Amino acid sequence: TELRQRSFVIDYFKKLGINTVNKDGYFYP
C-alpha cells in the first residue's frame, strides 16, 4: 500500500466514513 501502519489505519477508516482525532498521540474516532 506504500502506507505505514498508522497512516494505513487512519486512511482505511476515513474511507469507511470515520474521521480520527489525535489525543496526545492516541488516535480515536
PDB file of all heavy atoms in Angstrom:
ATOM      1  N   THR A   1       0.794  -1.231   0.000  1.00  0.00           N
ATOM      2  CA  THR A   1       0.000   0.000   0.000  1.00  0.00           C
ATOM      3  C   THR A   1       0.825   1.279   0.000  1.00  0.00           C
ATOM      4  O   THR A   1       0.273   2.367  -0.206  1.00  0.00           O
ATOM      5  CB  THR A   1      -0.898   0.049   1.251  1.00  0.00           C
ATOM      6  OG1 THR A   1      -0.075   0.145   2.427  1.00  0.00           O
ATOM      7  CG2 THR A   1      -1.764  -1.192   1.349  1.00  0.00           C
ATOM      8  N   GLU A   2       2.121   1.174   0.264  1.00  0.00           N
ATOM      9  CA  GLU A   2       3.003   2.331   0.448  1.00  0.00           C
ATOM     10  C   GLU A   2       2.523   3.211   1.606  1.00  0.00           C
ATOM     11  O   GLU A   2       2.717   4.426   1.612  1.00  0.00           O
ATOM     12  CB  GLU A   2       3.131   3.151  -0.845  1.00  0.00           C
ATOM     13  CG  GLU A   2       3.828   2.390  -1.960  1.00  0.00           C
ATOM     14  CD  GLU A   2       4.126   3.250  -3.173  1.00  0.00           C
ATOM     15  OE1 GLU A   2       3.624   4.393  -3.218  1.00  0.00           O
ATOM     16  OE2 GLU A   2       4.862   2.786  -4.064  1.00  0.00           O
ATOM     17  N   LEU A   3       1.866   2.586   2.558  1.00  0.00           N
ATOM     18  CA  LEU A   3       1.416   3.281   3.765  1.00  0.00           C
ATOM     19  C   LEU A   3       1.985   2.583   4.988  1.00  0.00           C
ATOM     20  O   LEU A   3       2.015   1.350   5.050  1.00  0.00           O
ATOM     21  CB  LEU A   3      -0.112   3.293   3.860  1.00  0.00           C
ATOM     22  CG  LEU A   3      -0.882   4.161   2.854  1.00  0.00           C
ATOM     23  CD1 LEU A   3      -2.379   3.880   2.970  1.00  0.00           C
ATOM     24  CD2 LEU A   3      -0.599   5.629   3.093  1.00  0.00           C
ATOM     25  N   ARG A   4       2.429   3.372   5.947  1.00  0.00           N
ATOM     26  CA  ARG A   4       2.846   2.809   7.221  1.00  0.00           C
ATOM     27  C   ARG A   4       1.601   2.494   8.045  1.00  0.00           C
ATOM     28  O   ARG A   4       0.500   2.985   7.763  1.00  0.00           O
ATOM     29  CB  ARG A   4       3.747   3.793   7.976  1.00  0.00           C
ATOM     30  CG  ARG A   4       5.082   4.045   7.281  1.00  0.00           C
ATOM     31  CD  ARG A   4       5.899   2.778   7.165  1.00  0.00           C
ATOM     32  NE  ARG A   4       7.183   3.012   6.510  1.00  0.00           N
ATOM     33  CZ  ARG A   4       8.013   2.047   6.138  1.00  0.00           C
ATOM     34  NH1 ARG A   4       7.685   0.778   6.344  1.00  0.00           N
ATOM     35  NH2 ARG A   4       9.155   2.325   5.551  1.00  0.00           N
ATOM     36  N   GLN A   5       1.784   1.699   9.086  1.00  0.00           N
ATOM     37  CA  GLN A   5       0.644   1.167   9.817  1.00  0.00           C
ATOM     38  C   GLN A   5      -0.304   2.244  10.342  1.00  0.00           C
ATOM     39  O   GLN A   5      -1.530   2.123  10.244  1.00  0.00           O
ATOM     40  CB  GLN A   5       1.114   0.247  10.947  1.00  0.00           C
ATOM     41  CG  GLN A   5       2.068   0.846  11.944  1.00  0.00           C
ATOM     42  CD  GLN A   5       3.521   0.705  11.548  1.00  0.00           C
ATOM     43  OE1 GLN A   5       3.858   0.559  10.379  1.00  0.00           O
ATOM     44  NE2 GLN A   5       4.421   0.757  12.518  1.00  0.00           N
ATOM     45  N   ARG A   6       0.241   3.318  10.936  1.00  0.00           N
ATOM     46  CA  ARG A   6      -0.609   4.361  11.486  1.00  0.00           C
ATOM     47  C   ARG A   6      -1.424   5.036  10.400  1.00  0.00           C
ATOM     48  O   ARG A   6      -2.643   5.185  10.494  1.00  0.00           O
ATOM     49  CB  ARG A   6       0.223   5.403  12.229  1.00  0.00           C
ATOM     50  CG  ARG A   6      -0.615   6.453  12.944  1.00  0.00           C
ATOM     51  CD  ARG A   6       0.119   7.770  13.102  1.00  0.00           C
ATOM     52  NE  ARG A   6       0.279   8.442  11.820  1.00  0.00           N
ATOM     53  CZ  ARG A   6       0.780   9.663  11.674  1.00  0.00           C
ATOM     54  NH1 ARG A   6       1.198  10.334  12.730  1.00  0.00           N
ATOM     55  NH2 ARG A   6       0.893  10.210  10.495  1.00  0.00           N
ATOM     56  N   SER A   7      -0.737   5.475   9.324  1.00  0.00           N
ATOM     57  CA  SER A   7      -1.431   6.162   8.240  1.00  0.00           C
ATOM     58  C   SER A   7      -2.402   5.234   7.523  1.00  0.00           C
ATOM     59  O   SER A   7      -3.454   5.672   7.038  1.00  0.00           O
ATOM     60  CB  SER A   7      -0.428   6.761   7.250  1.00  0.00           C
ATOM     61  OG  SER A   7       0.482   5.773   6.790  1.00  0.00           O
ATOM     62  N   PHE A   8      -2.083   3.939   7.478  1.00  0.00           N
ATOM     63  CA  PHE A   8      -2.991   2.973   6.871  1.00  0.00           C
ATOM     64  C   PHE A   8      -4.312   2.932   7.633  1.00  0.00           C
ATOM     65  O   PHE A   8      -5.400   2.973   7.037  1.00  0.00           O
ATOM     66  CB  PHE A   8      -2.365   1.577   6.846  1.00  0.00           C
ATOM     67  CG  PHE A   8      -3.362   0.481   6.561  1.00  0.00           C
ATOM     68  CD1 PHE A   8      -3.776   0.226   5.260  1.00  0.00           C
ATOM     69  CD2 PHE A   8      -3.900  -0.271   7.595  1.00  0.00           C
ATOM     70  CE1 PHE A   8      -4.717  -0.761   4.992  1.00  0.00           C
ATOM     71  CE2 PHE A   8      -4.838  -1.266   7.339  1.00  0.00           C
ATOM     72  CZ  PHE A   8      -5.248  -1.509   6.036  1.00  0.00           C
ATOM     73  N   VAL A   9      -4.244   2.834   8.950  1.00  0.00           N
ATOM     74  CA  VAL A   9      -5.458   2.752   9.759  1.00  0.00           C
ATOM     75  C   VAL A   9      -6.298   4.022   9.608  1.00  0.00           C
ATOM     76  O   VAL A   9      -7.521   3.969   9.428  1.00  0.00           O
ATOM     77  CB  VAL A   9      -5.108   2.511  11.242  1.00  0.00           C
ATOM     78  CG1 VAL A   9      -6.344   2.640  12.124  1.00  0.00           C
ATOM     79  CG2 VAL A   9      -4.486   1.126  11.419  1.00  0.00           C
ATOM     80  N   ILE A  10      -5.642   5.172   9.682  1.00  0.00           N
ATOM     81  CA  ILE A  10      -6.352   6.447   9.550  1.00  0.00           C
ATOM     82  C   ILE A  10      -7.030   6.536   8.189  1.00  0.00           C
ATOM     83  O   ILE A  10      -8.203   6.918   8.077  1.00  0.00           O
ATOM     84  CB  ILE A  10      -5.386   7.627   9.762  1.00  0.00           C
ATOM     85  CG1 ILE A  10      -4.883   7.635  11.207  1.00  0.00           C
ATOM     86  CG2 ILE A  10      -6.070   8.951   9.428  1.00  0.00           C
ATOM     87  CD1 ILE A  10      -3.759   8.622  11.462  1.00  0.00           C
ATOM     88  N   ASP A  11      -6.301   6.159   7.136  1.00  0.00           N
ATOM     89  CA  ASP A  11      -6.830   6.216   5.780  1.00  0.00           C
ATOM     90  C   ASP A  11      -7.959   5.204   5.583  1.00  0.00           C
ATOM     91  O   ASP A  11      -8.982   5.510   4.950  1.00  0.00           O
ATOM     92  CB  ASP A  11      -5.701   5.958   4.778  1.00  0.00           C
ATOM     93  CG  ASP A  11      -6.159   6.029   3.341  1.00  0.00           C
ATOM     94  OD1 ASP A  11      -6.496   7.139   2.894  1.00  0.00           O
ATOM     95  OD2 ASP A  11      -6.183   4.981   2.663  1.00  0.00           O
ATOM     96  N   TYR A  12      -7.780   4.016   6.114  1.00  0.00           N
ATOM     97  CA  TYR A  12      -8.777   2.948   5.939  1.00  0.00           C
ATOM     98  C   TYR A  12     -10.119   3.366   6.529  1.00  0.00           C
ATOM     99  O   TYR A  12     -11.178   3.217   5.897  1.00  0.00           O
ATOM    100  CB  TYR A  12      -8.280   1.662   6.600  1.00  0.00           C
ATOM    101  CG  TYR A  12      -9.101   0.443   6.243  1.00  0.00           C
ATOM    102  CD1 TYR A  12      -8.836  -0.267   5.070  1.00  0.00           C
ATOM    103  CD2 TYR A  12     -10.122  -0.006   7.064  1.00  0.00           C
ATOM    104  CE1 TYR A  12      -9.576  -1.391   4.729  1.00  0.00           C
ATOM    105  CE2 TYR A  12     -10.877  -1.122   6.731  1.00  0.00           C
ATOM    106  CZ  TYR A  12     -10.598  -1.812   5.561  1.00  0.00           C
ATOM    107  OH  TYR A  12     -11.338  -2.909   5.212  1.00  0.00           O
ATOM    108  N   PHE A  13     -10.072   3.902   7.743  1.00  0.00           N
ATOM    109  CA  PHE A  13     -11.329   4.267   8.386  1.00  0.00           C
ATOM    110  C   PHE A  13     -11.920   5.561   7.833  1.00  0.00           C
ATOM    111  O   PHE A  13     -13.146   5.736   7.852  1.00  0.00           O
ATOM    112  CB  PHE A  13     -11.151   4.319   9.906  1.00  0.00           C
ATOM    113  CG  PHE A  13     -11.202   2.954  10.517  1.00  0.00           C
ATOM    114  CD1 PHE A  13     -10.031   2.251  10.756  1.00  0.00           C
ATOM    115  CD2 PHE A  13     -12.409   2.351  10.796  1.00  0.00           C
ATOM    116  CE1 PHE A  13     -10.074   0.967  11.268  1.00  0.00           C
ATOM    117  CE2 PHE A  13     -12.469   1.065  11.312  1.00  0.00           C
ATOM    118  CZ  PHE A  13     -11.302   0.375  11.553  1.00  0.00           C
ATOM    119  N   LYS A  14     -11.093   6.417   7.306  1.00  0.00           N
ATOM    120  CA  LYS A  14     -11.625   7.619   6.650  1.00  0.00           C
ATOM    121  C   LYS A  14     -12.461   7.207   5.449  1.00  0.00           C
ATOM    122  O   LYS A  14     -13.520   7.796   5.183  1.00  0.00           O
ATOM    123  CB  LYS A  14     -10.489   8.545   6.225  1.00  0.00           C
ATOM    124  CG  LYS A  14     -10.978   9.884   5.697  1.00  0.00           C
ATOM    125  CD  LYS A  14      -9.830  10.850   5.480  1.00  0.00           C
ATOM    126  CE  LYS A  14     -10.366  12.228   5.064  1.00  0.00           C
ATOM    127  NZ  LYS A  14      -9.264  13.216   4.890  1.00  0.00           N
ATOM    128  N   LYS A  15     -12.007   6.184   4.721  1.00  0.00           N
ATOM    129  CA  LYS A  15     -12.757   5.692   3.572  1.00  0.00           C
ATOM    130  C   LYS A  15     -14.046   4.984   3.997  1.00  0.00           C
ATOM    131  O   LYS A  15     -14.960   4.815   3.180  1.00  0.00           O
ATOM    132  CB  LYS A  15     -11.884   4.746   2.751  1.00  0.00           C
ATOM    133  CG  LYS A  15     -10.741   5.455   2.032  1.00  0.00           C
ATOM    134  CD  LYS A  15      -9.846   4.489   1.298  1.00  0.00           C
ATOM    135  CE  LYS A  15      -8.715   5.228   0.582  1.00  0.00           C
ATOM    136  NZ  LYS A  15      -7.769   4.305  -0.085  1.00  0.00           N
ATOM    137  N   LEU A  16     -14.121   4.585   5.262  1.00  0.00           N
ATOM    138  CA  LEU A  16     -15.351   3.985   5.787  1.00  0.00           C
ATOM    139  C   LEU A  16     -16.261   5.044   6.419  1.00  0.00           C
ATOM    140  O   LEU A  16     -17.322   4.715   6.944  1.00  0.00           O
ATOM    141  CB  LEU A  16     -15.024   2.914   6.836  1.00  0.00           C
ATOM    142  CG  LEU A  16     -14.276   1.663   6.367  1.00  0.00           C
ATOM    143  CD1 LEU A  16     -14.121   0.678   7.517  1.00  0.00           C
ATOM    144  CD2 LEU A  16     -14.979   1.010   5.194  1.00  0.00           C
ATOM    145  N   GLY A  17     -15.824   6.309   6.370  1.00  0.00           N
ATOM    146  CA  GLY A  17     -16.640   7.388   6.926  1.00  0.00           C
ATOM    147  C   GLY A  17     -16.297   7.766   8.344  1.00  0.00           C
ATOM    148  O   GLY A  17     -17.044   8.506   8.993  1.00  0.00           O
ATOM    149  N   ILE A  18     -15.146   7.292   8.845  1.00  0.00           N
ATOM    150  CA  ILE A  18     -14.724   7.593  10.213  1.00  0.00           C
ATOM    151  C   ILE A  18     -13.507   8.515  10.192  1.00  0.00           C
ATOM    152  O   ILE A  18     -12.418   8.109   9.783  1.00  0.00           O
ATOM    153  CB  ILE A  18     -14.383   6.306  11.003  1.00  0.00           C
ATOM    154  CG1 ILE A  18     -15.602   5.402  11.117  1.00  0.00           C
ATOM    155  CG2 ILE A  18     -13.837   6.647  12.387  1.00  0.00           C
ATOM    156  CD1 ILE A  18     -16.731   5.965  11.948  1.00  0.00           C
ATOM    157  N   ASN A  19     -13.691   9.750  10.611  1.00  0.00           N
ATOM    158  CA  ASN A  19     -12.561  10.654  10.799  1.00  0.00           C
ATOM    159  C   ASN A  19     -11.959  10.407  12.176  1.00  0.00           C
ATOM    160  O   ASN A  19     -12.650   9.971  13.106  1.00  0.00           O
ATOM    161  CB  ASN A  19     -13.009  12.109  10.675  1.00  0.00           C
ATOM    162  CG  ASN A  19     -13.389  12.463   9.255  1.00  0.00           C
ATOM    163  OD1 ASN A  19     -12.625  12.205   8.325  1.00  0.00           O
ATOM    164  ND2 ASN A  19     -14.573  13.036   9.069  1.00  0.00           N
ATOM    165  N   THR A  20     -10.677  10.682  12.296  1.00  0.00           N
ATOM    166  CA  THR A  20      -9.996  10.417  13.562  1.00  0.00           C
ATOM    167  C   THR A  20      -9.489  11.712  14.186  1.00  0.00           C
ATOM    168  O   THR A  20      -9.314  12.724  13.505  1.00  0.00           O
ATOM    169  CB  THR A  20      -8.805   9.462  13.356  1.00  0.00           C
ATOM    170  OG1 THR A  20      -7.937   9.995  12.344  1.00  0.00           O
ATOM    171  CG2 THR A  20      -9.283   8.089  12.952  1.00  0.00           C
ATOM    172  N   VAL A  21      -9.257  11.650  15.491  1.00  0.00           N
ATOM    173  CA  VAL A  21      -8.719  12.789  16.227  1.00  0.00           C
ATOM    174  C   VAL A  21      -7.537  12.300  17.057  1.00  0.00           C
ATOM    175  O   VAL A  21      -7.569  11.193  17.611  1.00  0.00           O
ATOM    176  CB  VAL A  21      -9.800  13.430  17.133  1.00  0.00           C
ATOM    177  CG1 VAL A  21     -10.360  12.429  18.126  1.00  0.00           C
ATOM    178  CG2 VAL A  21      -9.269  14.665  17.840  1.00  0.00           C
ATOM    179  N   ASN A  22      -6.483  13.105  17.119  1.00  0.00           N
ATOM    180  CA  ASN A  22      -5.270  12.757  17.849  1.00  0.00           C
ATOM    181  C   ASN A  22      -5.332  13.361  19.242  1.00  0.00           C
ATOM    182  O   ASN A  22      -5.368  14.583  19.400  1.00  0.00           O
ATOM    183  CB  ASN A  22      -4.048  13.292  17.090  1.00  0.00           C
ATOM    184  CG  ASN A  22      -2.730  12.857  17.713  1.00  0.00           C
ATOM    185  OD1 ASN A  22      -2.658  12.519  18.886  1.00  0.00           O
ATOM    186  ND2 ASN A  22      -1.669  12.890  16.921  1.00  0.00           N
ATOM    187  N   LYS A  23      -5.374  12.501  20.251  1.00  0.00           N
ATOM    188  CA  LYS A  23      -5.367  12.929  21.643  1.00  0.00           C
ATOM    189  C   LYS A  23      -4.064  12.467  22.292  1.00  0.00           C
ATOM    190  O   LYS A  23      -3.920  11.306  22.663  1.00  0.00           O
ATOM    191  CB  LYS A  23      -6.565  12.330  22.413  1.00  0.00           C
ATOM    192  CG  LYS A  23      -7.929  12.796  21.914  1.00  0.00           C
ATOM    193  CD  LYS A  23      -8.217  14.222  22.326  1.00  0.00           C
ATOM    194  CE  LYS A  23      -9.655  14.620  21.995  1.00  0.00           C
ATOM    195  NZ  LYS A  23      -9.947  16.015  22.373  1.00  0.00           N
ATOM    196  N   ASP A  24      -3.090  13.387  22.368  1.00  0.00           N
ATOM    197  CA  ASP A  24      -1.795  13.077  22.988  1.00  0.00           C
ATOM    198  C   ASP A  24      -1.123  11.869  22.360  1.00  0.00           C
ATOM    199  O   ASP A  24      -0.500  11.052  23.049  1.00  0.00           O
ATOM    200  CB  ASP A  24      -1.964  12.865  24.499  1.00  0.00           C
ATOM    201  CG  ASP A  24      -2.529  14.083  25.200  1.00  0.00           C
ATOM    202  OD1 ASP A  24      -2.140  15.204  24.837  1.00  0.00           O
ATOM    203  OD2 ASP A  24      -3.382  13.910  26.096  1.00  0.00           O
ATOM    204  N   GLY A  25      -1.247  11.751  21.052  1.00  0.00           N
ATOM    205  CA  GLY A  25      -0.594  10.656  20.347  1.00  0.00           C
ATOM    206  C   GLY A  25      -1.464   9.434  20.145  1.00  0.00           C
ATOM    207  O   GLY A  25      -1.084   8.509  19.430  1.00  0.00           O
ATOM    208  N   TYR A  26      -2.642   9.414  20.751  1.00  0.00           N
ATOM    209  CA  TYR A  26      -3.579   8.306  20.609  1.00  0.00           C
ATOM    210  C   TYR A  26      -4.689   8.721  19.640  1.00  0.00           C
ATOM    211  O   TYR A  26      -5.321   9.762  19.830  1.00  0.00           O
ATOM    212  CB  TYR A  26      -4.181   7.921  21.959  1.00  0.00           C
ATOM    213  CG  TYR A  26      -3.175   7.509  23.001  1.00  0.00           C
ATOM    214  CD1 TYR A  26      -2.578   8.455  23.835  1.00  0.00           C
ATOM    215  CD2 TYR A  26      -2.810   6.177  23.150  1.00  0.00           C
ATOM    216  CE1 TYR A  26      -1.647   8.081  24.794  1.00  0.00           C
ATOM    217  CE2 TYR A  26      -1.883   5.786  24.107  1.00  0.00           C
ATOM    218  CZ  TYR A  26      -1.300   6.745  24.928  1.00  0.00           C
ATOM    219  OH  TYR A  26      -0.371   6.369  25.868  1.00  0.00           O
ATOM    220  N   PHE A  27      -4.944   7.903  18.627  1.00  0.00           N
ATOM    221  CA  PHE A  27      -5.952   8.240  17.628  1.00  0.00           C
ATOM    222  C   PHE A  27      -7.275   7.538  17.948  1.00  0.00           C
ATOM    223  O   PHE A  27      -7.319   6.319  18.121  1.00  0.00           O
ATOM    224  CB  PHE A  27      -5.479   7.837  16.236  1.00  0.00           C
ATOM    225  CG  PHE A  27      -4.403   8.735  15.701  1.00  0.00           C
ATOM    226  CD1 PHE A  27      -3.063   8.501  16.001  1.00  0.00           C
ATOM    227  CD2 PHE A  27      -4.724   9.822  14.901  1.00  0.00           C
ATOM    228  CE1 PHE A  27      -2.065   9.327  15.506  1.00  0.00           C
ATOM    229  CE2 PHE A  27      -3.737  10.661  14.403  1.00  0.00           C
ATOM    230  CZ  PHE A  27      -2.408  10.421  14.710  1.00  0.00           C
ATOM    231  N   TYR A  28      -8.329   8.343  17.977  1.00  0.00           N
ATOM    232  CA  TYR A  28      -9.679   7.862  18.246  1.00  0.00           C
ATOM    233  C   TYR A  28     -10.609   8.309  17.120  1.00  0.00           C
ATOM    234  O   TYR A  28     -10.292   9.259  16.384  1.00  0.00           O
ATOM    235  CB  TYR A  28     -10.214   8.459  19.558  1.00  0.00           C
ATOM    236  CG  TYR A  28      -9.428   8.126  20.789  1.00  0.00           C
ATOM    237  CD1 TYR A  28      -8.391   8.957  21.222  1.00  0.00           C
ATOM    238  CD2 TYR A  28      -9.721   6.995  21.543  1.00  0.00           C
ATOM    239  CE1 TYR A  28      -7.663   8.660  22.366  1.00  0.00           C
ATOM    240  CE2 TYR A  28      -9.000   6.696  22.692  1.00  0.00           C
ATOM    241  CZ  TYR A  28      -7.974   7.524  23.102  1.00  0.00           C
ATOM    242  OH  TYR A  28      -7.261   7.233  24.231  1.00  0.00           O
ATOM    243  N   PRO A  29     -11.779   7.661  16.994  1.00  0.00           N
ATOM    244  CA  PRO A  29     -12.774   8.229  16.079  1.00  0.00           C
ATOM    245  C   PRO A  29     -13.190   9.599  16.605  1.00  0.00           C
ATOM    246  O   PRO A  29     -13.217   9.817  17.823  1.00  0.00           O
ATOM    247  CB  PRO A  29     -13.923   7.216  16.150  1.00  0.00           C
ATOM    248  CG  PRO A  29     -13.743   6.513  17.458  1.00  0.00           C
ATOM    249  CD  PRO A  29     -12.266   6.454  17.679  1.00  0.00           C
TER     250      PRO A  29
END
